[in-house]
C-alpha atoms as a PDB file:
ATOM      1  CA  MET A   1      66.385 120.479 111.517  1.00  0.00           C
ATOM      2  CA  GLU A   2      66.643 118.826 114.797  1.00  0.00           C
ATOM      3  CA  LYS A   3      70.310 119.084 116.085  1.00  0.00           C
ATOM      4  CA  THR A   4      72.320 116.130 117.004  1.00  0.00           C
ATOM      5  CA  LYS A   5      73.375 116.784 120.688  1.00  0.00           C
ATOM      6  CA  LEU A   6      76.876 116.017 121.439  1.00  0.00           C
ATOM      7  CA  ALA A   7      79.125 116.138 124.542  1.00  0.00           C
ATOM      8  CA  VAL A   8      82.969 116.542 124.701  1.00  0.00           C
ATOM      9  CA  VAL A   9      84.822 114.792 127.532  1.00  0.00           C
ATOM     10  CA  GLY A  10      88.248 115.944 128.028  1.00  0.00           C
ATOM     11  CA  LEU A  11      89.354 119.699 126.813  1.00  0.00           C
ATOM     12  CA  GLY A  12      92.864 119.403 126.051  1.00  0.00           C
ATOM     13  CA  GLY A  13      94.498 120.477 123.043  1.00  0.00           C
ATOM     14  CA  ILE A  14      92.762 118.342 120.407  1.00  0.00           C
ATOM     15  CA  ALA A  15      89.368 119.440 121.703  1.00  0.00           C
ATOM     16  CA  GLN A  16      90.207 122.984 121.551  1.00  0.00           C
ATOM     17  CA  LEU A  17      92.107 122.973 118.407  1.00  0.00           C
ATOM     18  CA  ALA A  18      89.789 120.831 116.237  1.00  0.00           C
ATOM     19  CA  HIS A  19      86.742 119.328 118.070  1.00  0.00           C
ATOM     20  CA  LEU A  20      85.002 122.288 119.388  1.00  0.00           C
ATOM     21  CA  PRO A  21      85.777 124.894 116.737  1.00  0.00           C
ATOM     22  CA  ILE A  22      84.627 122.585 114.059  1.00  0.00           C
ATOM     23  CA  LEU A  23      81.456 121.182 116.014  1.00  0.00           C
ATOM     24  CA  THR A  24      80.238 124.759 116.934  1.00  0.00           C
ATOM     25  CA  LYS A  25      80.063 125.823 113.473  1.00  0.00           C
ATOM     26  CA  LEU A  26      77.991 122.789 112.154  1.00  0.00           C
ATOM     27  CA  LEU A  27      74.315 123.895 111.862  1.00  0.00           C
ATOM     28  CA  ASN A  28      72.982 120.652 112.609  1.00  0.00           C
ATOM     29  CA  VAL A  29      75.019 120.035 115.822  1.00  0.00           C
ATOM     30  CA  GLN A  30      74.762 121.254 119.489  1.00  0.00           C
ATOM     31  CA  VAL A  31      77.545 121.096 121.700  1.00  0.00           C
ATOM     32  CA  ALA A  32      75.130 120.057 124.565  1.00  0.00           C
ATOM     33  CA  ALA A  33      77.620 119.771 127.391  1.00  0.00           C
ATOM     34  CA  VAL A  34      81.256 119.509 128.056  1.00  0.00           C
ATOM     35  CA  ALA A  35      83.400 117.656 131.061  1.00  0.00           C
ATOM     36  CA  ASP A  36      86.915 118.085 132.345  1.00  0.00           C
ATOM     37  CA  THR A  37      88.429 117.314 135.676  1.00  0.00           C
ATOM     38  CA  ASN A  38      90.339 120.829 135.664  1.00  0.00           C
ATOM     39  CA  LYS A  39      87.883 123.443 136.777  1.00  0.00           C
ATOM     40  CA  ALA A  40      89.960 126.450 135.254  1.00  0.00           C
ATOM     41  CA  ARG A  41      90.124 124.817 131.951  1.00  0.00           C
ATOM     42  CA  LEU A  42      86.526 123.740 132.009  1.00  0.00           C
ATOM     43  CA  ASN A  43      85.530 127.379 132.759  1.00  0.00           C
ATOM     44  CA  ALA A  44      87.817 129.114 130.311  1.00  0.00           C
ATOM     45  CA  VAL A  45      86.585 126.699 127.528  1.00  0.00           C
ATOM     46  CA  GLY A  46      82.989 127.245 128.462  1.00  0.00           C
ATOM     47  CA  ASP A  47      83.350 130.947 128.335  1.00  0.00           C
ATOM     48  CA  ARG A  48      85.324 130.770 124.848  1.00  0.00           C
ATOM     49  CA  TYR A  49      82.421 128.799 123.491  1.00  0.00           C
ATOM     50  CA  SER A  50      79.364 130.126 125.255  1.00  0.00           C
ATOM     51  CA  LEU A  51      78.755 126.593 126.645  1.00  0.00           C
ATOM     52  CA  LYS A  52      76.110 126.541 129.633  1.00  0.00           C
ATOM     53  CA  ASN A  53      76.391 122.836 130.792  1.00  0.00           C
ATOM     54  CA  LEU A  54      79.845 122.401 132.445  1.00  0.00           C
ATOM     55  CA  TYR A  55      80.726 119.390 134.475  1.00  0.00           C
ATOM     56  CA  GLN A  56      83.972 118.043 136.118  1.00  0.00           C
ATOM     57  CA  ASP A  57      82.271 114.594 136.604  1.00  0.00           C
ATOM     58  CA  TYR A  58      81.213 113.397 133.096  1.00  0.00           C
ATOM     59  CA  ARG A  59      78.957 110.591 134.961  1.00  0.00           C
ATOM     60  CA  GLU A  60      76.900 113.466 136.388  1.00  0.00           C
ATOM     61  CA  MET A  61      76.866 114.805 132.922  1.00  0.00           C
ATOM     62  CA  LEU A  62      75.465 111.485 131.265  1.00  0.00           C
ATOM     63  CA  ALA A  63      72.839 111.228 134.123  1.00  0.00           C
ATOM     64  CA  LYS A  64      71.530 115.084 133.773  1.00  0.00           C
ATOM     65  CA  GLU A  65      71.828 115.818 129.932  1.00  0.00           C
ATOM     66  CA  GLU A  66      70.014 114.783 126.837  1.00  0.00           C
ATOM     67  CA  ILE A  67      72.679 113.701 124.443  1.00  0.00           C
ATOM     68  CA  HIS A  68      72.904 111.612 121.460  1.00  0.00           C
ATOM     69  CA  GLY A  69      76.950 111.064 121.285  1.00  0.00           C
ATOM     70  CA  VAL A  70      80.001 111.688 123.259  1.00  0.00           C
ATOM     71  CA  ILE A  71      83.592 112.649 122.208  1.00  0.00           C
ATOM     72  CA  ILE A  72      86.141 111.219 124.332  1.00  0.00           C
ATOM     73  CA  ALA A  73      89.303 113.026 124.169  1.00  0.00           C
ATOM     74  CA  THR A  74      91.098 112.360 127.541  1.00  0.00           C
ATOM     75  CA  PRO A  75      94.269 110.565 128.341  1.00  0.00           C
ATOM     76  CA  THR A  76      94.397 106.958 127.066  1.00  0.00           C
ATOM     77  CA  ASP A  77      94.245 105.251 130.440  1.00  0.00           C
ATOM     78  CA  THR A  78      90.758 106.688 131.153  1.00  0.00           C
ATOM     79  CA  HIS A  79      89.209 105.729 127.695  1.00  0.00           C
ATOM     80  CA  ALA A  80      87.889 102.208 128.465  1.00  0.00           C
ATOM     81  CA  GLU A  81      86.217 103.322 131.678  1.00  0.00           C
ATOM     82  CA  ILE A  82      84.592 106.343 130.142  1.00  0.00           C
ATOM     83  CA  ALA A  83      83.658 104.866 126.886  1.00  0.00           C
ATOM     84  CA  VAL A  84      81.976 101.853 128.794  1.00  0.00           C
ATOM     85  CA  ASN A  85      80.112 104.166 130.824  1.00  0.00           C
ATOM     86  CA  CYS A  86      78.934 106.282 127.895  1.00  0.00           C
ATOM     87  CA  LEU A  87      77.772 103.145 126.189  1.00  0.00           C
ATOM     88  CA  LYS A  88      76.010 101.865 128.957  1.00  0.00           C
ATOM     89  CA  ALA A  89      73.857 105.318 129.066  1.00  0.00           C
ATOM     90  CA  LYS A  90      73.106 104.488 125.319  1.00  0.00           C
ATOM     91  CA  LYS A  91      75.296 107.100 123.980  1.00  0.00           C
ATOM     92  CA  ASP A  92      77.352 106.424 120.748  1.00  0.00           C
ATOM     93  CA  VAL A  93      81.039 107.093 121.199  1.00  0.00           C
ATOM     94  CA  LEU A  94      83.895 108.816 119.218  1.00  0.00           C
ATOM     95  CA  ILE A  95      87.126 108.049 120.975  1.00  0.00           C
ATOM     96  CA  GLU A  96      90.282 109.894 119.945  1.00  0.00           C
ATOM     97  CA  LYS A  97      93.067 107.522 119.031  1.00  0.00           C
ATOM     98  CA  PRO A  98      94.068 104.964 120.401  1.00  0.00           C
ATOM     99  CA  ILE A  99      91.007 103.365 121.470  1.00  0.00           C
ATOM    100  CA  ALA A 100      92.563 102.066 124.525  1.00  0.00           C
ATOM    101  CA  ARG A 101      96.038 101.238 126.065  1.00  0.00           C
ATOM    102  CA  ASN A 102      96.039  97.712 124.943  1.00  0.00           C
ATOM    103  CA  TYR A 103      93.982  94.888 123.205  1.00  0.00           C
ATOM    104  CA  GLU A 104      92.262  93.683 126.424  1.00  0.00           C
ATOM    105  CA  GLU A 105      90.751  97.174 126.884  1.00  0.00           C
ATOM    106  CA  ALA A 106      89.822  97.570 123.511  1.00  0.00           C
ATOM    107  CA  LYS A 107      87.782  94.197 123.620  1.00  0.00           C
ATOM    108  CA  GLU A 108      85.995  95.510 126.710  1.00  0.00           C
ATOM    109  CA  ILE A 109      84.832  98.716 124.715  1.00  0.00           C
ATOM    110  CA  GLN A 110      83.735  96.321 121.815  1.00  0.00           C
ATOM    111  CA  ALA A 111      81.676  94.123 124.163  1.00  0.00           C
ATOM    112  CA  ALA A 112      79.969  97.173 125.878  1.00  0.00           C
ATOM    113  CA  ALA A 113      78.999  98.381 122.251  1.00  0.00           C
ATOM    114  CA  LYS A 114      77.694  94.919 121.630  1.00  0.00           C
ATOM    115  CA  LYS A 115      75.821  94.650 124.779  1.00  0.00           C
ATOM    116  CA  TYR A 116      74.106  98.145 124.687  1.00  0.00           C
ATOM    117  CA  LYS A 117      73.626  98.165 120.883  1.00  0.00           C
ATOM    118  CA  LYS A 118      75.411 101.383 120.305  1.00  0.00           C
ATOM    119  CA  GLN A 119      78.331 102.404 117.983  1.00  0.00           C
ATOM    120  CA  VAL A 120      81.987 103.134 118.568  1.00  0.00           C
ATOM    121  CA  MET A 121      83.950 105.223 116.112  1.00  0.00           C
ATOM    122  CA  VAL A 122      87.964 105.707 116.613  1.00  0.00           C
ATOM    123  CA  GLY A 123      89.460 109.105 115.429  1.00  0.00           C
ATOM    124  CA  MET A 124      91.820 107.722 112.687  1.00  0.00           C
ATOM    125  CA  LYS A 125      91.933 111.001 111.204  1.00  0.00           C
ATOM    126  CA  LEU A 126      94.341 110.267 108.402  1.00  0.00           C
ATOM    127  CA  ARG A 127      91.540 107.996 106.646  1.00  0.00           C
ATOM    128  CA  TYR A 128      89.532 111.479 106.501  1.00  0.00           C
ATOM    129  CA  ARG A 129      92.283 113.442 104.552  1.00  0.00           C
ATOM    130  CA  PRO A 130      90.851 114.145 101.016  1.00  0.00           C
ATOM    131  CA  ASP A 131      94.145 112.733  99.377  1.00  0.00           C
ATOM    132  CA  ALA A 132      93.950 109.544 101.343  1.00  0.00           C
ATOM    133  CA  MET A 133      90.410 108.928 100.388  1.00  0.00           C
ATOM    134  CA  LEU A 134      91.186 109.641  96.579  1.00  0.00           C
ATOM    135  CA  MET A 135      94.262 107.342  96.775  1.00  0.00           C
ATOM    136  CA  ARG A 136      91.992 104.507  98.198  1.00  0.00           C
ATOM    137  CA  SER A 137      89.483 104.973  95.563  1.00  0.00           C
ATOM    138  CA  LEU A 138      92.257 105.021  93.000  1.00  0.00           C
ATOM    139  CA  VAL A 139      93.982 101.687  94.396  1.00  0.00           C
ATOM    140  CA  ASN A 140      90.160 100.023  94.804  1.00  0.00           C
ATOM    141  CA  SER A 141      89.540 100.693  91.058  1.00  0.00           C
ATOM    142  CA  GLY A 142      92.374  98.466  89.919  1.00  0.00           C
ATOM    143  CA  GLU A 143      94.108 101.154  87.870  1.00  0.00           C
ATOM    144  CA  LEU A 144      97.330 100.452  89.637  1.00  0.00           C
ATOM    145  CA  GLY A 145      97.071  96.702  89.522  1.00  0.00           C
ATOM    146  CA  ASP A 146      97.518  94.339  92.612  1.00  0.00           C
ATOM    147  CA  ILE A 147      98.976  96.294  95.536  1.00  0.00           C
ATOM    148  CA  PHE A 148     101.841  94.096  96.802  1.00  0.00           C
ATOM    149  CA  TYR A 149     103.843  96.585  98.858  1.00  0.00           C
ATOM    150  CA  VAL A 150     102.880  99.750 100.914  1.00  0.00           C
ATOM    151  CA  ARG A 151     105.803 101.777 102.514  1.00  0.00           C
ATOM    152  CA  CYS A 152     104.879 104.369 105.260  1.00  0.00           C
ATOM    153  CA  GLY A 153     106.307 106.276 107.973  1.00  0.00           C
ATOM    154  CA  TRP A 154     105.933 109.566 110.094  1.00  0.00           C
ATOM    155  CA  LEU A 155     108.834 111.593 111.627  1.00  0.00           C
ATOM    156  CA  ARG A 156     107.760 114.576 113.945  1.00  0.00           C
ATOM    157  CA  LYS A 157     108.025 115.700 117.321  1.00  0.00           C
ATOM    158  CA  GLN A 158     105.864 113.840 120.105  1.00  0.00           C
ATOM    159  CA  SER A 159     102.186 114.738 120.035  1.00  0.00           C
ATOM    160  CA  SER A 160     101.969 116.089 123.687  1.00  0.00           C
ATOM    161  CA  GLU A 161     104.179 117.512 126.194  1.00  0.00           C
ATOM    162  CA  GLN A 162     102.190 116.173 129.235  1.00  0.00           C
ATOM    163  CA  LYS A 163     103.671 113.880 131.602  1.00  0.00           C
ATOM    164  CA  TRP A 164     101.072 111.228 131.020  1.00  0.00           C
ATOM    165  CA  PHE A 165     102.236 110.880 127.514  1.00  0.00           C
ATOM    166  CA  LEU A 166     105.554 109.340 128.380  1.00  0.00           C
ATOM    167  CA  ASN A 167     104.066 107.157 131.439  1.00  0.00           C
ATOM    168  CA  LYS A 168     103.653 103.474 129.788  1.00  0.00           C
ATOM    169  CA  ASN A 169     100.989 102.826 132.397  1.00  0.00           C
ATOM    170  CA  GLN A 170      98.874 105.731 131.188  1.00  0.00           C
ATOM    171  CA  SER A 171      99.703 106.000 127.572  1.00  0.00           C
ATOM    172  CA  GLY A 172     100.058 102.191 126.725  1.00  0.00           C
ATOM    173  CA  GLY A 173     103.377 103.024 124.922  1.00  0.00           C
ATOM    174  CA  GLY A 174     105.241 105.469 122.841  1.00  0.00           C
ATOM    175  CA  VAL A 175     105.539 106.459 119.341  1.00  0.00           C
ATOM    176  CA  LEU A 176     103.942 103.286 118.271  1.00  0.00           C
ATOM    177  CA  ILE A 177     100.746 103.840 119.756  1.00  0.00           C
ATOM    178  CA  ASP A 178     100.847 107.512 119.052  1.00  0.00           C
ATOM    179  CA  LEU A 179     102.078 107.943 115.250  1.00  0.00           C
ATOM    180  CA  GLY A 180     102.457 104.221 114.347  1.00  0.00           C
ATOM    181  CA  ILE A 181      98.945 103.258 114.976  1.00  0.00           C
ATOM    182  CA  LEU A 182      97.751 105.895 112.564  1.00  0.00           C
ATOM    183  CA  VAL A 183     100.152 104.942 109.488  1.00  0.00           C
ATOM    184  CA  LEU A 184      99.399 101.440 109.835  1.00  0.00           C
ATOM    185  CA  ASP A 185      95.717 102.026 109.888  1.00  0.00           C
ATOM    186  CA  LEU A 186      95.970 104.070 106.729  1.00  0.00           C
ATOM    187  CA  ALA A 187      98.066 101.363 105.155  1.00  0.00           C
ATOM    188  CA  LEU A 188      95.796  98.626 106.245  1.00  0.00           C
ATOM    189  CA  TRP A 189      92.863 100.575 104.911  1.00  0.00           C
ATOM    190  CA  ILE A 190      94.467 101.178 101.546  1.00  0.00           C
ATOM    191  CA  MET A 191      95.570  97.495 101.432  1.00  0.00           C
ATOM    192  CA  ASN A 192      91.906  96.563 101.918  1.00  0.00           C
ATOM    193  CA  GLY A 193      91.278  93.486 103.809  1.00  0.00           C
ATOM    194  CA  HIS A 194      94.283  90.920 103.497  1.00  0.00           C
ATOM    195  CA  LYS A 195      95.391  88.513 106.230  1.00  0.00           C
ATOM    196  CA  ILE A 196      98.352  89.201 108.140  1.00  0.00           C
ATOM    197  CA  LYS A 197     101.067  86.460 108.591  1.00  0.00           C
ATOM    198  CA  SER A 198     103.574  87.906 110.805  1.00  0.00           C
ATOM    199  CA  VAL A 199     105.302  91.121 112.286  1.00  0.00           C
ATOM    200  CA  SER A 200     108.984  91.781 112.697  1.00  0.00           C
ATOM    201  CA  VAL A 201     109.836  95.202 114.599  1.00  0.00           C
ATOM    202  CA  GLU A 202     112.917  96.963 116.275  1.00  0.00           C
ATOM    203  CA  THR A 203     112.395  99.702 118.803  1.00  0.00           C
ATOM    204  CA  PHE A 204     114.559 102.410 120.240  1.00  0.00           C
ATOM    205  CA  SER A 205     114.388 104.634 123.204  1.00  0.00           C
ATOM    206  CA  HIS A 206     117.215 107.344 122.754  1.00  0.00           C
ATOM    207  CA  THR A 207     115.325 110.290 124.128  1.00  0.00           C
ATOM    208  CA  THR A 208     112.665 108.576 126.281  1.00  0.00           C
ATOM    209  CA  LYS A 209     112.921 106.061 129.484  1.00  0.00           C
ATOM    210  CA  GLU A 210     109.390 104.205 129.604  1.00  0.00           C
ATOM    211  CA  VAL A 211     108.442 104.243 126.082  1.00  0.00           C
ATOM    212  CA  GLU A 212     109.889 103.766 122.601  1.00  0.00           C
ATOM    213  CA  ASP A 213     110.761 107.047 120.653  1.00  0.00           C
ATOM    214  CA  THR A 214     111.528 105.214 117.332  1.00  0.00           C
ATOM    215  CA  ALA A 215     110.324 102.101 115.883  1.00  0.00           C
ATOM    216  CA  ILE A 216     111.106 100.293 112.497  1.00  0.00           C
ATOM    217  CA  GLY A 217     109.175  97.249 111.212  1.00  0.00           C
ATOM    218  CA  MET A 218     107.708  95.149 108.602  1.00  0.00           C
ATOM    219  CA  ILE A 219     104.289  93.472 108.358  1.00  0.00           C
ATOM    220  CA  ARG A 220     104.095  90.175 106.155  1.00  0.00           C
ATOM    221  CA  PHE A 221     100.597  88.872 104.748  1.00  0.00           C
ATOM    222  CA  THR A 222      99.578  85.397 104.012  1.00  0.00           C
ATOM    223  CA  ASP A 223      99.600  86.286 100.350  1.00  0.00           C
ATOM    224  CA  GLU A 224     103.073  87.649 100.115  1.00  0.00           C
ATOM    225  CA  ARG A 225     102.133  91.346 100.266  1.00  0.00           C
ATOM    226  CA  VAL A 226     104.238  93.672 102.653  1.00  0.00           C
ATOM    227  CA  ILE A 227     103.998  96.626 104.548  1.00  0.00           C
ATOM    228  CA  SER A 228     107.081  98.482 105.975  1.00  0.00           C
ATOM    229  CA  PHE A 229     107.012 101.224 108.361  1.00  0.00           C
ATOM    230  CA  GLU A 230     109.115 103.817 110.385  1.00  0.00           C
ATOM    231  CA  VAL A 231     107.847 106.136 113.104  1.00  0.00           C
ATOM    232  CA  SER A 232     109.876 108.460 115.301  1.00  0.00           C
ATOM    233  CA  TRP A 233     109.866 111.407 117.672  1.00  0.00           C
ATOM    234  CA  GLY A 234     113.522 111.256 117.769  1.00  0.00           C
ATOM    235  CA  LEU A 235     115.121 111.117 114.263  1.00  0.00           C
ATOM    236  CA  HIS A 236     116.531 114.411 112.979  1.00  0.00           C
ATOM    237  CA  SER A 237     114.248 115.838 110.500  1.00  0.00           C
ATOM    238  CA  GLU A 238     113.777 119.299 109.217  1.00  0.00           C
ATOM    239  CA  TRP A 239     110.014 119.059 109.185  1.00  0.00           C
ATOM    240  CA  ASP A 240     106.859 116.935 110.018  1.00  0.00           C
ATOM    241  CA  LYS A 241     107.278 114.293 107.554  1.00  0.00           C
ATOM    242  CA  PHE A 242     104.486 111.665 107.121  1.00  0.00           C
ATOM    243  CA  HIS A 243     104.641 109.653 103.779  1.00  0.00           C
ATOM    244  CA  LEU A 244     103.018 106.670 102.286  1.00  0.00           C
ATOM    245  CA  ALA A 245     103.388 105.054  98.980  1.00  0.00           C
ATOM    246  CA  ALA A 246     101.367 101.913  97.433  1.00  0.00           C
ATOM    247  CA  PHE A 247     103.280  99.962  94.832  1.00  0.00           C
ATOM    248  CA  GLY A 248     101.267  97.958  92.410  1.00  0.00           C
ATOM    249  CA  THR A 249     101.654  95.608  89.375  1.00  0.00           C
ATOM    250  CA  LYS A 250     100.611  98.317  87.074  1.00  0.00           C
ATOM    251  CA  GLY A 251     101.497 101.532  88.975  1.00  0.00           C
ATOM    252  CA  THR A 252     102.215 103.552  91.950  1.00  0.00           C
ATOM    253  CA  ALA A 253     100.489 106.162  94.280  1.00  0.00           C
ATOM    254  CA  HIS A 254     101.995 108.295  96.679  1.00  0.00           C
ATOM    255  CA  LEU A 255     100.582 110.461  99.555  1.00  0.00           C
ATOM    256  CA  ASN A 256     101.679 113.850 100.846  1.00  0.00           C
ATOM    257  CA  PRO A 257     101.591 115.089  98.247  1.00  0.00           C
ATOM    258  CA  LEU A 258      99.113 113.032  96.226  1.00  0.00           C
ATOM    259  CA  LYS A 259     100.814 111.673  93.277  1.00  0.00           C
ATOM    260  CA  ALA A 260      99.986 108.628  91.160  1.00  0.00           C
ATOM    261  CA  TYR A 261     101.226 106.992  87.749  1.00  0.00           C
ATOM    262  CA  LYS A 262     100.084 103.949  85.860  1.00  0.00           C
ATOM    263  CA  ARG A 263     102.515 102.184  83.659  1.00  0.00           C
ATOM    264  CA  LEU A 264     101.919 101.751  79.916  1.00  0.00           C
ATOM    265  CA  GLU A 265     104.069 100.436  77.095  1.00  0.00           C
ATOM    266  CA  SER A 266     104.542 103.825  75.806  1.00  0.00           C
ATOM    267  CA  GLY A 267     105.344 105.569  79.070  1.00  0.00           C
ATOM    268  CA  HIS A 268     102.794 106.200  81.823  1.00  0.00           C
ATOM    269  CA  ILE A 269      99.505 107.853  82.750  1.00  0.00           C
ATOM    270  CA  ASP A 270      99.743 110.716  85.321  1.00  0.00           C
ATOM    271  CA  TYR A 271      96.867 110.815  87.665  1.00  0.00           C
ATOM    272  CA  THR A 272      98.303 113.699  89.930  1.00  0.00           C
ATOM    273  CA  LEU A 273      96.021 116.478  90.628  1.00  0.00           C
ATOM    274  CA  PRO A 274      97.118 119.804  89.237  1.00  0.00           C
ATOM    275  CA  THR A 275      97.220 121.126  92.686  1.00  0.00           C
ATOM    276  CA  SER A 276      97.848 119.901  96.067  1.00  0.00           C
ATOM    277  CA  ALA A 277      96.195 121.317  99.258  1.00  0.00           C
ATOM    278  CA  ASN A 278      98.953 122.490 101.902  1.00  0.00           C
ATOM    279  CA  PRO A 279      99.228 120.368 105.129  1.00  0.00           C
ATOM    280  CA  THR A 280      97.419 122.572 107.519  1.00  0.00           C
ATOM    281  CA  ASN A 281      94.225 122.456 105.180  1.00  0.00           C
ATOM    282  CA  LEU A 282      94.318 118.838 104.960  1.00  0.00           C
ATOM    283  CA  TYR A 283      94.704 118.599 108.697  1.00  0.00           C
ATOM    284  CA  LYS A 284      91.806 120.801 109.323  1.00  0.00           C
ATOM    285  CA  LYS A 285      89.805 119.002 106.573  1.00  0.00           C
ATOM    286  CA  ALA A 286      90.408 115.550 107.964  1.00  0.00           C
ATOM    287  CA  PHE A 287      88.897 116.476 111.345  1.00  0.00           C
ATOM    288  CA  GLU A 288      86.048 118.195 109.636  1.00  0.00           C
ATOM    289  CA  ASN A 289      85.311 115.046 107.443  1.00  0.00           C
ATOM    290  CA  GLU A 290      85.626 112.838 110.622  1.00  0.00           C
ATOM    291  CA  LEU A 291      83.219 114.786 112.661  1.00  0.00           C
ATOM    292  CA  LYS A 292      80.825 115.136 110.026  1.00  0.00           C
ATOM    293  CA  HIS A 293      80.905 111.321 109.482  1.00  0.00           C
ATOM    294  CA  PHE A 294      80.401 110.804 113.122  1.00  0.00           C
ATOM    295  CA  VAL A 295      77.498 113.122 113.292  1.00  0.00           C
ATOM    296  CA  ALA A 296      75.721 111.508 110.291  1.00  0.00           C
ATOM    297  CA  ALA A 297      76.302 107.914 111.517  1.00  0.00           C
ATOM    298  CA  VAL A 298      74.691 109.119 114.979  1.00  0.00           C
ATOM    299  CA  ARG A 299      71.868 110.817 113.297  1.00  0.00           C
ATOM    300  CA  ASP A 300      71.187 108.004 110.855  1.00  0.00           C
ATOM    301  CA  ASN A 301      72.335 104.977 112.698  1.00  0.00           C
ATOM    302  CA  SER A 302      74.605 104.275 109.625  1.00  0.00           C
ATOM    303  CA  PRO A 303      77.907 102.416 109.775  1.00  0.00           C
ATOM    304  CA  MET A 304      80.930 104.212 111.058  1.00  0.00           C
ATOM    305  CA  VAL A 305      84.235 104.001 108.884  1.00  0.00           C
ATOM    306  CA  SER A 306      86.732 103.775 111.365  1.00  0.00           C
ATOM    307  CA  SER A 307      84.964 101.296 113.572  1.00  0.00           C
ATOM    308  CA  CYS A 308      85.452  99.812 116.812  1.00  0.00           C
ATOM    309  CA  GLU A 309      86.061  96.419 115.162  1.00  0.00           C
ATOM    310  CA  ASP A 310      89.009  97.935 113.066  1.00  0.00           C
ATOM    311  CA  ALA A 311      90.443  99.488 116.070  1.00  0.00           C
ATOM    312  CA  VAL A 312      90.329  96.127 118.120  1.00  0.00           C
ATOM    313  CA  MET A 313      92.051  94.454 115.141  1.00  0.00           C
ATOM    314  CA  LEU A 314      94.578  97.062 115.331  1.00  0.00           C
ATOM    315  CA  MET A 315      95.357  96.683 119.045  1.00  0.00           C
ATOM    316  CA  GLN A 316      95.850  92.952 118.452  1.00  0.00           C
ATOM    317  CA  LEU A 317      98.296  93.789 115.930  1.00  0.00           C
ATOM    318  CA  LEU A 318      99.969  96.628 118.059  1.00  0.00           C
ATOM    319  CA  GLU A 319     100.417  93.738 120.799  1.00  0.00           C
ATOM    320  CA  ALA A 320     102.434  91.661 118.399  1.00  0.00           C
ATOM    321  CA  ILE A 321     104.541  94.478 117.369  1.00  0.00           C
ATOM    322  CA  TYR A 322     105.645  95.200 120.979  1.00  0.00           C
ATOM    323  CA  LYS A 323     106.019  91.527 121.553  1.00  0.00           C
ATOM    324  CA  SER A 324     108.430  91.410 118.531  1.00  0.00           C
ATOM    325  CA  ALA A 325     110.461  94.342 119.811  1.00  0.00           C
ATOM    326  CA  GLU A 326     110.542  92.844 123.358  1.00  0.00           C
ATOM    327  CA  LEU A 327     111.595  89.330 122.126  1.00  0.00           C
ATOM    328  CA  ASN A 328     113.642  90.436 119.256  1.00  0.00           C
ATOM    329  CA  LYS A 329     112.147  87.964 116.812  1.00  0.00           C
ATOM    330  CA  GLU A 330     109.377  87.755 114.095  1.00  0.00           C
ATOM    331  CA  ILE A 331     106.057  87.022 115.674  1.00  0.00           C
ATOM    332  CA  ASN A 332     103.374  84.991 113.896  1.00  0.00           C
ATOM    333  CA  LEU A 333      99.835  86.187 114.222  1.00  0.00           C
END
């Protein structure tokens, strides 16, 4: 079997904990090259995974190496430039979330993908959890009726301790662009294609200076459906708490753990699986599914699930969310 040659740009935590351990075990994949501006980290990771083609400048890597796709796992302020250059070099791209710092940068990436006829996928890993995929299938089957309300949230410590993460100019924002973008992407994916009418959001910065550490909000749709959400690095919680519930006219489904019920005149049907995977396994499985999907899309030139178009729409929504918080009022889209 001919191997799909991938490169990884940015060798921080996510590349070392998820991307490289998974990619180096896939039989149809070759990690053809890696790039990182930090020479010590580059050499250490290269030694750990027996990688030969190491670059401090990803542009040099693009010019010299035969590569089919590139995974971008660098700080957010570099995403747009690196992605556009990779697309220009005729490589398909997987960008770790968020796609960029803002809507304008996201549109630049989208335009480059269209111009150079290559695909962009964004690492919305919650879509690739087995329990989330089962929940979406159940919702789409109509068993729970018409979904009119989704309640979701994520309370946990911030995802990175690096200085750039709390610098708005580099990160694009705080907990909303870190955790909020993931839970809202999943909620919209499960809600499946309804037009947003307005957003109303309140943010707080009790433990941070430049960016928000907590956000609470509501998204309204033109057909009167509603999403409510809460995300925080600062709310006191005993555990990493991610949750999502979809309420339908005939039943309800919950995530983390997956539970689902359909109402009947005589009681209810319980769709809950007899055993639920633990959070660590779900986390690992989500990344495995995401990376396998990216490889398959690169190999077959097939559509990508968490597409550039979805990511651009999400960044437009995020722009309205930040505007609502800044002006302290509901914003119509």
